[in-house]
Each structure stands twice: as C-alpha cells, then as structure tokens.
C-alpha atoms as a PDB file:
ATOM      1  CA  MET A   1      11.074 -13.742  -8.344  1.00  0.00           C
ATOM      2  CA  PRO A   2      13.657 -16.509  -6.628  1.00  0.00           C
ATOM      3  CA  ARG A   3      14.602 -16.325  -3.172  1.00  0.00           C
ATOM      4  CA  GLY A   4      18.171 -14.511  -2.750  1.00  0.00           C
ATOM      5  CA  ARG A   5      17.529 -12.064  -5.698  1.00  0.00           C
ATOM      6  CA  LYS A   6      17.857  -8.599  -5.152  1.00  0.00           C
ATOM      7  CA  ARG A   7      14.734  -6.464  -6.474  1.00  0.00           C
ATOM      8  CA  THR A   8      15.885  -4.354  -9.248  1.00  0.00           C
ATOM      9  CA  PHE A   9      13.480  -1.150  -8.607  1.00  0.00           C
ATOM     10  CA  ASP A  10      13.219   1.412  -5.107  1.00  0.00           C
ATOM     11  CA  GLU A  11      10.252  -0.071  -3.466  1.00  0.00           C
ATOM     12  CA  GLY A  12      10.045   3.290  -2.277  1.00  0.00           C
ATOM     13  CA  VAL A  13       9.971   5.483  -5.786  1.00  0.00           C
ATOM     14  CA  ALA A  14       7.385   2.051  -7.127  1.00  0.00           C
ATOM     15  CA  LEU A  15       5.118   2.858  -4.072  1.00  0.00           C
ATOM     16  CA  GLN A  16       5.223   6.658  -4.497  1.00  0.00           C
ATOM     17  CA  THR A  17       4.587   6.086  -8.379  1.00  0.00           C
ATOM     18  CA  ALA A  18       1.545   3.761  -7.419  1.00  0.00           C
ATOM     19  CA  MET A  19       0.390   6.082  -4.877  1.00  0.00           C
ATOM     20  CA  GLU A  20       0.000   8.815  -7.582  1.00  0.00           C
ATOM     21  CA  LEU A  21      -1.490   6.459 -10.037  1.00  0.00           C
ATOM     22  CA  PHE A  22      -4.222   5.746  -7.802  1.00  0.00           C
ATOM     23  CA  TRP A  23      -4.556   9.274  -7.026  1.00  0.00           C
ATOM     24  CA  ARG A  24      -4.909  10.526 -10.187  1.00  0.00           C
ATOM     25  CA  ARG A  25      -6.646   7.462 -12.158  1.00  0.00           C
ATOM     26  CA  GLY A  26      -8.539   6.267  -9.352  1.00  0.00           C
ATOM     27  CA  TYR A  27      -8.136   2.528  -7.843  1.00  0.00           C
ATOM     28  CA  GLU A  28     -10.215   1.202 -10.672  1.00  0.00           C
ATOM     29  CA  GLY A  29      -8.395   3.447 -13.367  1.00  0.00           C
ATOM     30  CA  THR A  30      -4.926   1.956 -12.207  1.00  0.00           C
ATOM     31  CA  SER A  31      -4.414  -1.439 -13.398  1.00  0.00           C
ATOM     32  CA  ILE A  32      -1.304  -3.228 -12.625  1.00  0.00           C
ATOM     33  CA  SER A  33       0.267  -3.553 -15.961  1.00  0.00           C
ATOM     34  CA  ASP A  34      -0.169   0.818 -15.896  1.00  0.00           C
ATOM     35  CA  ILE A  35       1.778   0.532 -12.709  1.00  0.00           C
ATOM     36  CA  CYS A  36       4.485  -1.912 -13.639  1.00  0.00           C
ATOM     37  CA  GLN A  37       4.594  -0.005 -17.256  1.00  0.00           C
ATOM     38  CA  ALA A  38       5.293   3.443 -15.133  1.00  0.00           C
ATOM     39  CA  LEU A  39       8.204   1.325 -13.816  1.00  0.00           C
ATOM     40  CA  ASN A  40       9.593  -0.992 -16.537  1.00  0.00           C
ATOM     41  CA  ILE A  41       9.010  -3.966 -14.230  1.00  0.00           C
ATOM     42  CA  GLN A  42       6.884  -6.979 -14.436  1.00  0.00           C
ATOM     43  CA  PRO A  43       3.919  -7.943 -12.560  1.00  0.00           C
ATOM     44  CA  PRO A  44       5.828 -11.002 -10.754  1.00  0.00           C
ATOM     45  CA  SER A  45       7.958  -8.473  -8.887  1.00  0.00           C
ATOM     46  CA  LEU A  46       5.351  -5.863  -8.394  1.00  0.00           C
ATOM     47  CA  TYR A  47       3.499  -8.753  -6.762  1.00  0.00           C
ATOM     48  CA  ALA A  48       6.521 -10.185  -4.498  1.00  0.00           C
ATOM     49  CA  ALA A  49       6.933  -6.728  -3.324  1.00  0.00           C
ATOM     50  CA  PHE A  50       3.542  -5.472  -2.673  1.00  0.00           C
ATOM     51  CA  GLY A  51       1.213  -8.551  -2.640  1.00  0.00           C
ATOM     52  CA  SER A  52      -2.419  -7.752  -4.318  1.00  0.00           C
ATOM     53  CA  LYS A  53      -3.317  -4.379  -5.840  1.00  0.00           C
ATOM     54  CA  ARG A  54      -5.668  -4.110  -2.782  1.00  0.00           C
ATOM     55  CA  ASP A  55      -2.369  -4.218  -0.797  1.00  0.00           C
ATOM     56  CA  LEU A  56      -0.838  -2.222  -2.872  1.00  0.00           C
ATOM     57  CA  PHE A  57      -3.254   0.552  -2.371  1.00  0.00           C
ATOM     58  CA  ALA A  58      -2.967   0.132   1.231  1.00  0.00           C
ATOM     59  CA  LYS A  59       0.182   0.766   1.521  1.00  0.00           C
ATOM     60  CA  ALA A  60      -0.030   3.670  -1.019  1.00  0.00           C
ATOM     61  CA  LEU A  61      -2.920   5.221   1.265  1.00  0.00           C
ATOM     62  CA  ASP A  62      -0.374   5.138   4.230  1.00  0.00           C
ATOM     63  CA  ARG A  63       1.962   6.697   2.375  1.00  0.00           C
ATOM     64  CA  TYR A  64      -0.189   9.534   1.519  1.00  0.00           C
ATOM     65  CA  MET A  65      -1.697  10.193   4.570  1.00  0.00           C
ATOM     66  CA  CYS A  66       1.610  11.197   6.281  1.00  0.00           C
ATOM     67  CA  ARG A  67       1.525  14.622   5.044  1.00  0.00           C
ATOM     68  CA  PRO A  68      -2.040  15.512   6.001  1.00  0.00           C
ATOM     69  CA  THR A  69      -1.713  13.576   9.597  1.00  0.00           C
ATOM     70  CA  ASP A  70       0.899  16.280  10.059  1.00  0.00           C
ATOM     71  CA  ASP A  71      -0.806  19.422   8.798  1.00  0.00           C
ATOM     72  CA  LEU A  72      -4.120  18.027  11.277  1.00  0.00           C
ATOM     73  CA  ARG A  73      -1.862  17.573  14.103  1.00  0.00           C
ATOM     74  CA  GLU A  74      -0.169  20.728  13.524  1.00  0.00           C
ATOM     75  CA  ALA A  75      -3.953  22.538  12.881  1.00  0.00           C
ATOM     76  CA  MET A  76      -4.973  21.201  16.162  1.00  0.00           C
ATOM     77  CA  ALA A  77      -2.477  22.277  17.994  1.00  0.00           C
ATOM     78  CA  GLU A  78      -4.067  26.278  17.471  1.00  0.00           C
ATOM     79  CA  ALA A  79      -4.901  28.492  20.344  1.00  0.00           C
ATOM     80  CA  THR A  80      -8.479  28.697  19.079  1.00  0.00           C
ATOM     81  CA  ALA A  81     -11.018  26.627  17.406  1.00  0.00           C
ATOM     82  CA  ARG A  82     -11.015  28.854  14.918  1.00  0.00           C
ATOM     83  CA  GLU A  83      -7.475  29.082  14.100  1.00  0.00           C
ATOM     84  CA  ALA A  84      -7.285  25.555  14.040  1.00  0.00           C
ATOM     85  CA  ALA A  85     -10.094  25.299  11.821  1.00  0.00           C
ATOM     86  CA  LEU A  86      -8.693  28.297   9.098  1.00  0.00           C
ATOM     87  CA  ARG A  87      -5.091  26.203   9.491  1.00  0.00           C
ATOM     88  CA  LEU A  88      -6.140  22.669   8.361  1.00  0.00           C
ATOM     89  CA  LEU A  89      -8.502  24.420   5.513  1.00  0.00           C
ATOM     90  CA  THR A  90      -5.772  26.492   4.518  1.00  0.00           C
ATOM     91  CA  ARG A  91      -2.841  23.778   5.013  1.00  0.00           C
ATOM     92  CA  ARG A  92      -5.018  21.206   2.491  1.00  0.00           C
ATOM     93  CA  VAL A  93      -5.915  23.752   0.122  1.00  0.00           C
ATOM     94  CA  GLU A  94      -1.880  24.498  -0.365  1.00  0.00           C
ATOM     95  CA  ALA A  95      -1.424  20.592  -0.564  1.00  0.00           C
ATOM     96  CA  PHE A  96      -4.503  20.306  -3.106  1.00  0.00           C
ATOM     97  CA  THR A  97      -3.073  22.190  -5.177  1.00  0.00           C
ATOM     98  CA  ALA A  98       0.685  22.020  -4.989  1.00  0.00           C
ATOM     99  CA  PRO A  99       2.650  22.160  -8.107  1.00  0.00           C
ATOM    100  CA  GLY A 100       4.226  18.774  -9.492  1.00  0.00           C
ATOM    101  CA  GLN A 101       1.490  16.098  -7.515  1.00  0.00           C
ATOM    102  CA  PRO A 102      -2.071  15.171  -8.560  1.00  0.00           C
ATOM    103  CA  PRO A 103      -4.811  17.849  -7.587  1.00  0.00           C
ATOM    104  CA  GLY A 104      -7.076  17.550  -4.711  1.00  0.00           C
ATOM    105  CA  CYS A 105      -7.312  14.676  -2.035  1.00  0.00           C
ATOM    106  CA  MET A 106      -5.950  11.202  -2.652  1.00  0.00           C
ATOM    107  CA  THR A 107      -9.171   9.799  -0.378  1.00  0.00           C
ATOM    108  CA  VAL A 108     -11.275  11.610  -2.420  1.00  0.00           C
ATOM    109  CA  GLN A 109     -10.228  10.955  -5.990  1.00  0.00           C
ATOM    110  CA  ALA A 110      -9.072   7.401  -5.545  1.00  0.00           C
ATOM    111  CA  ALA A 111     -12.351   6.247  -4.762  1.00  0.00           C
ATOM    112  CA  LEU A 112     -14.776   8.577  -6.379  1.00  0.00           C
ATOM    113  CA  ALA A 113     -15.986   6.160  -8.955  1.00  0.00           C
ATOM    114  CA  CYS A 114     -15.429   2.929  -7.165  1.00  0.00           C
ATOM    115  CA  GLY A 115     -18.543   0.535  -7.945  1.00  0.00           C
ATOM    116  CA  GLU A 116     -19.604  -2.575  -5.483  1.00  0.00           C
ATOM    117  CA  ALA A 117     -16.777  -4.659  -6.501  1.00  0.00           C
ATOM    118  CA  HIS A 118     -14.418  -2.279  -4.618  1.00  0.00           C
ATOM    119  CA  GLY A 119     -16.500  -1.611  -1.658  1.00  0.00           C
ATOM    120  CA  GLU A 120     -13.238  -2.594   0.544  1.00  0.00           C
ATOM    121  CA  ILE A 121     -11.069   0.358  -1.178  1.00  0.00           C
ATOM    122  CA  VAL A 122     -14.225   2.766  -0.538  1.00  0.00           C
ATOM    123  CA  ASP A 123     -14.054   1.873   3.473  1.00  0.00           C
ATOM    124  CA  LEU A 124     -10.258   1.971   3.240  1.00  0.00           C
ATOM    125  CA  VAL A 125     -10.539   5.957   2.235  1.00  0.00           C
ATOM    126  CA  THR A 126     -14.015   6.257   4.033  1.00  0.00           C
ATOM    127  CA  ALA A 127     -11.955   5.188   7.197  1.00  0.00           C
ATOM    128  CA  ALA A 128      -9.086   7.634   6.698  1.00  0.00           C
ATOM    129  CA  ARG A 129     -11.160  10.569   6.593  1.00  0.00           C
ATOM    130  CA  GLU A 130     -13.299   9.424   9.525  1.00  0.00           C
ATOM    131  CA  GLU A 131     -10.313   9.612  11.591  1.00  0.00           C
ATOM    132  CA  THR A 132      -9.789  13.469  10.588  1.00  0.00           C
ATOM    133  CA  ARG A 133     -13.290  14.071  11.718  1.00  0.00           C
ATOM    134  CA  LYS A 134     -13.068  12.249  14.688  1.00  0.00           C
ATOM    135  CA  THR A 135      -9.841  14.290  15.348  1.00  0.00           C
ATOM    136  CA  VAL A 136     -11.510  17.620  14.367  1.00  0.00           C
ATOM    137  CA  LEU A 137     -14.626  16.901  16.656  1.00  0.00           C
ATOM    138  CA  GLU A 138     -12.509  16.468  19.423  1.00  0.00           C
ATOM    139  CA  ARG A 139     -10.854  19.789  19.497  1.00  0.00           C
ATOM    140  CA  PHE A 140     -14.169  21.498  18.919  1.00  0.00           C
ATOM    141  CA  GLU A 141     -15.214  19.125  22.213  1.00  0.00           C
ATOM    142  CA  LYS A 142     -12.201  20.495  24.252  1.00  0.00           C
ATOM    143  CA  ALA A 143     -12.749  24.014  22.904  1.00  0.00           C
ATOM    144  CA  VAL A 144     -15.928  23.934  24.371  1.00  0.00           C
ATOM    145  CA  ALA A 145     -14.994  22.876  27.364  1.00  0.00           C
ATOM    146  CA  ASP A 146     -12.307  24.992  27.368  1.00  0.00           C
ATOM    147  CA  GLY A 147     -14.628  28.177  27.110  1.00  0.00           C
ATOM    148  CA  ASP A 148     -13.188  28.970  23.321  1.00  0.00           C
ATOM    149  CA  LEU A 149     -16.444  27.906  21.789  1.00  0.00           C
ATOM    150  CA  PRO A 150     -19.981  29.217  23.029  1.00  0.00           C
ATOM    151  CA  MET A 151     -21.856  26.262  25.138  1.00  0.00           C
ATOM    152  CA  GLY A 152     -24.393  24.104  23.240  1.00  0.00           C
ATOM    153  CA  THR A 153     -22.113  24.522  20.304  1.00  0.00           C
ATOM    154  CA  ASP A 154     -23.174  21.356  18.115  1.00  0.00           C
ATOM    155  CA  CYS A 155     -19.401  19.887  17.930  1.00  0.00           C
ATOM    156  CA  GLY A 156     -20.917  16.938  15.472  1.00  0.00           C
ATOM    157  CA  ALA A 157     -22.536  19.320  13.133  1.00  0.00           C
ATOM    158  CA  LEU A 158     -19.549  21.903  13.173  1.00  0.00           C
ATOM    159  CA  ALA A 159     -17.356  18.886  12.614  1.00  0.00           C
ATOM    160  CA  ARG A 160     -19.086  17.564   9.698  1.00  0.00           C
ATOM    161  CA  TYR A 161     -19.209  20.814   7.869  1.00  0.00           C
ATOM    162  CA  LEU A 162     -15.423  21.408   7.830  1.00  0.00           C
ATOM    163  CA  MET A 163     -15.306  17.649   6.508  1.00  0.00           C
ATOM    164  CA  ALA A 164     -17.858  19.044   3.831  1.00  0.00           C
ATOM    165  CA  THR A 165     -15.542  21.801   3.313  1.00  0.00           C
ATOM    166  CA  LEU A 166     -12.389  20.292   3.134  1.00  0.00           C
ATOM    167  CA  TYR A 167     -12.819  17.783   0.595  1.00  0.00           C
ATOM    168  CA  GLY A 168     -15.124  20.074  -1.414  1.00  0.00           C
ATOM    169  CA  PHE A 169     -12.093  22.069  -1.680  1.00  0.00           C
ATOM    170  CA  SER A 170     -10.287  18.647  -3.043  1.00  0.00           C
ATOM    171  CA  VAL A 171     -13.263  18.668  -5.654  1.00  0.00           C
ATOM    172  CA  GLU A 172     -12.986  22.050  -6.448  1.00  0.00           C
ATOM    173  CA  ALA A 173      -9.148  21.835  -7.074  1.00  0.00           C
ATOM    174  CA  ALA A 174      -9.167  18.472  -9.132  1.00  0.00           C
ATOM    175  CA  SER A 175     -11.383  20.819 -11.253  1.00  0.00           C
ATOM    176  CA  GLY A 176      -9.034  23.398 -11.802  1.00  0.00           C
ATOM    177  CA  ALA A 177     -10.114  25.811  -9.233  1.00  0.00           C
ATOM    178  CA  PRO A 178      -7.515  28.083  -8.312  1.00  0.00           C
ATOM    179  CA  ARG A 179      -5.331  28.261  -5.055  1.00  0.00           C
ATOM    180  CA  GLU A 180      -6.279  31.845  -4.573  1.00  0.00           C
ATOM    181  CA  GLU A 181      -9.520  31.610  -4.999  1.00  0.00           C
ATOM    182  CA  LEU A 182      -9.572  28.448  -2.816  1.00  0.00           C
ATOM    183  CA  LEU A 183      -7.996  29.963  -0.039  1.00  0.00           C
ATOM    184  CA  ALA A 184     -10.332  32.952  -0.144  1.00  0.00           C
ATOM    185  CA  ALA A 185     -12.928  30.494   0.575  1.00  0.00           C
ATOM    186  CA  ALA A 186     -11.144  28.752   3.369  1.00  0.00           C
ATOM    187  CA  THR A 187     -10.657  31.932   5.140  1.00  0.00           C
ATOM    188  CA  LEU A 188     -14.540  32.458   4.754  1.00  0.00           C
ATOM    189  CA  ALA A 189     -15.249  29.119   5.674  1.00  0.00           C
ATOM    190  CA  ALA A 190     -13.588  28.977   8.866  1.00  0.00           C
ATOM    191  CA  GLN A 191     -15.100  32.398  10.278  1.00  0.00           C
ATOM    192  CA  LEU A 192     -18.518  29.863  10.511  1.00  0.00           C
ATOM    193  CA  VAL A 193     -16.775  28.658  13.597  1.00  0.00           C
ATOM    194  CA  PRO A 194     -18.323  30.734  16.249  1.00  0.00           C
ATOM    195  CA  ALA A 195     -15.142  32.539  18.504  1.00  0.00           C
ATOM    196  CA  THR A 196     -16.562  33.536  22.459  1.00  0.00           C
END
C-alpha cells in the first residue's frame, strides 16, 4: 500500500472478524483469503495493517483475552476460594454459550487441531491458558494461608482440576451443550473446592 494512503477498512472491525474466524474455524482452518473475503479487502491491505497470519492471530488472541481476563480478576476477588471457583466457572460458561458469537473458548477451539507446523500457535494459546491456571493457583494458595482452605490442600491439583473442568465446558459448549446444564455442572464442580 503506498505511503500516506488511508486504509479503506476499520482495523478494529477487521481484528474482530479475524478473531471470530479463528475462533470458529481454528488457526489452520482459517486462511488469509477467508479473512480478506469476509472484509472485502485485498491481502496486501491486510498484511500492511497486521503483518503475517501469525501476527494477526496473536493480535486477535490478545483481543479475545480481554473478557476472560476481566472475568478472572472479578472471580478471584470473591471472598472464598469456593465462591471464586463458582464465579469463574459460571462466568465462563455464560461466555462460552453467549448468543451472537462462536461457542466455546478461542484458546481451546483455535488450536485444537493444529499440526506440528503450527506449534507456535499452540504455544500462544497454551501460554494464555497457563496464565489463568497460575492466577487460580495463587488464589488457592492465598486461601490456604488465610485459613479459607484447609492446611495441606493440594493447590496445584485443585487449580489443574478447575482448569480441566473449565476447558471441558468449552468443548461441551462447542458441541452444543445447553447453557443450563453447563451452569448446573459448574455449581457441582465448585462444590469440590474444600470449605473450612
């Protein structure tokens, strides 16, 4: 694109569109031509704005992570570890099943079927999920220190359990599981977090 020439598309709209395509079809299942066709632009314009497909994915992932990060922060502020787990699970189920957007979680759906050639994409989404796990682990460790969780609680295993449950809900939502059933399962799962 010549210097000084204005872009003929809204970058925010383009990033949102790319995010939803990656989320719905996965990284490998989404081509630059798919994104360009959805935006009615040519590849050089997309590359000039966002760089490579990998760069575009990284920016789309950052955009996606804004809501889960907000949900996580609010959940971890709950008074007890059990309440924090319940709020995290229910808020994410609500997001996974929200109308008007792809079902499930982008950090699961976008890289679920990536092959070895796209290991860097798997690393990006794995890192995003790992940040969530570390935050939950720290919250559980604080709960033990505060006397909210029993001494000797295996916080690592408990955090891993919560993440496995959370991302299992993503897969279930993407498979069409009803919100009400997933919310009931979230309530049940949170009860496995010990209470003093």
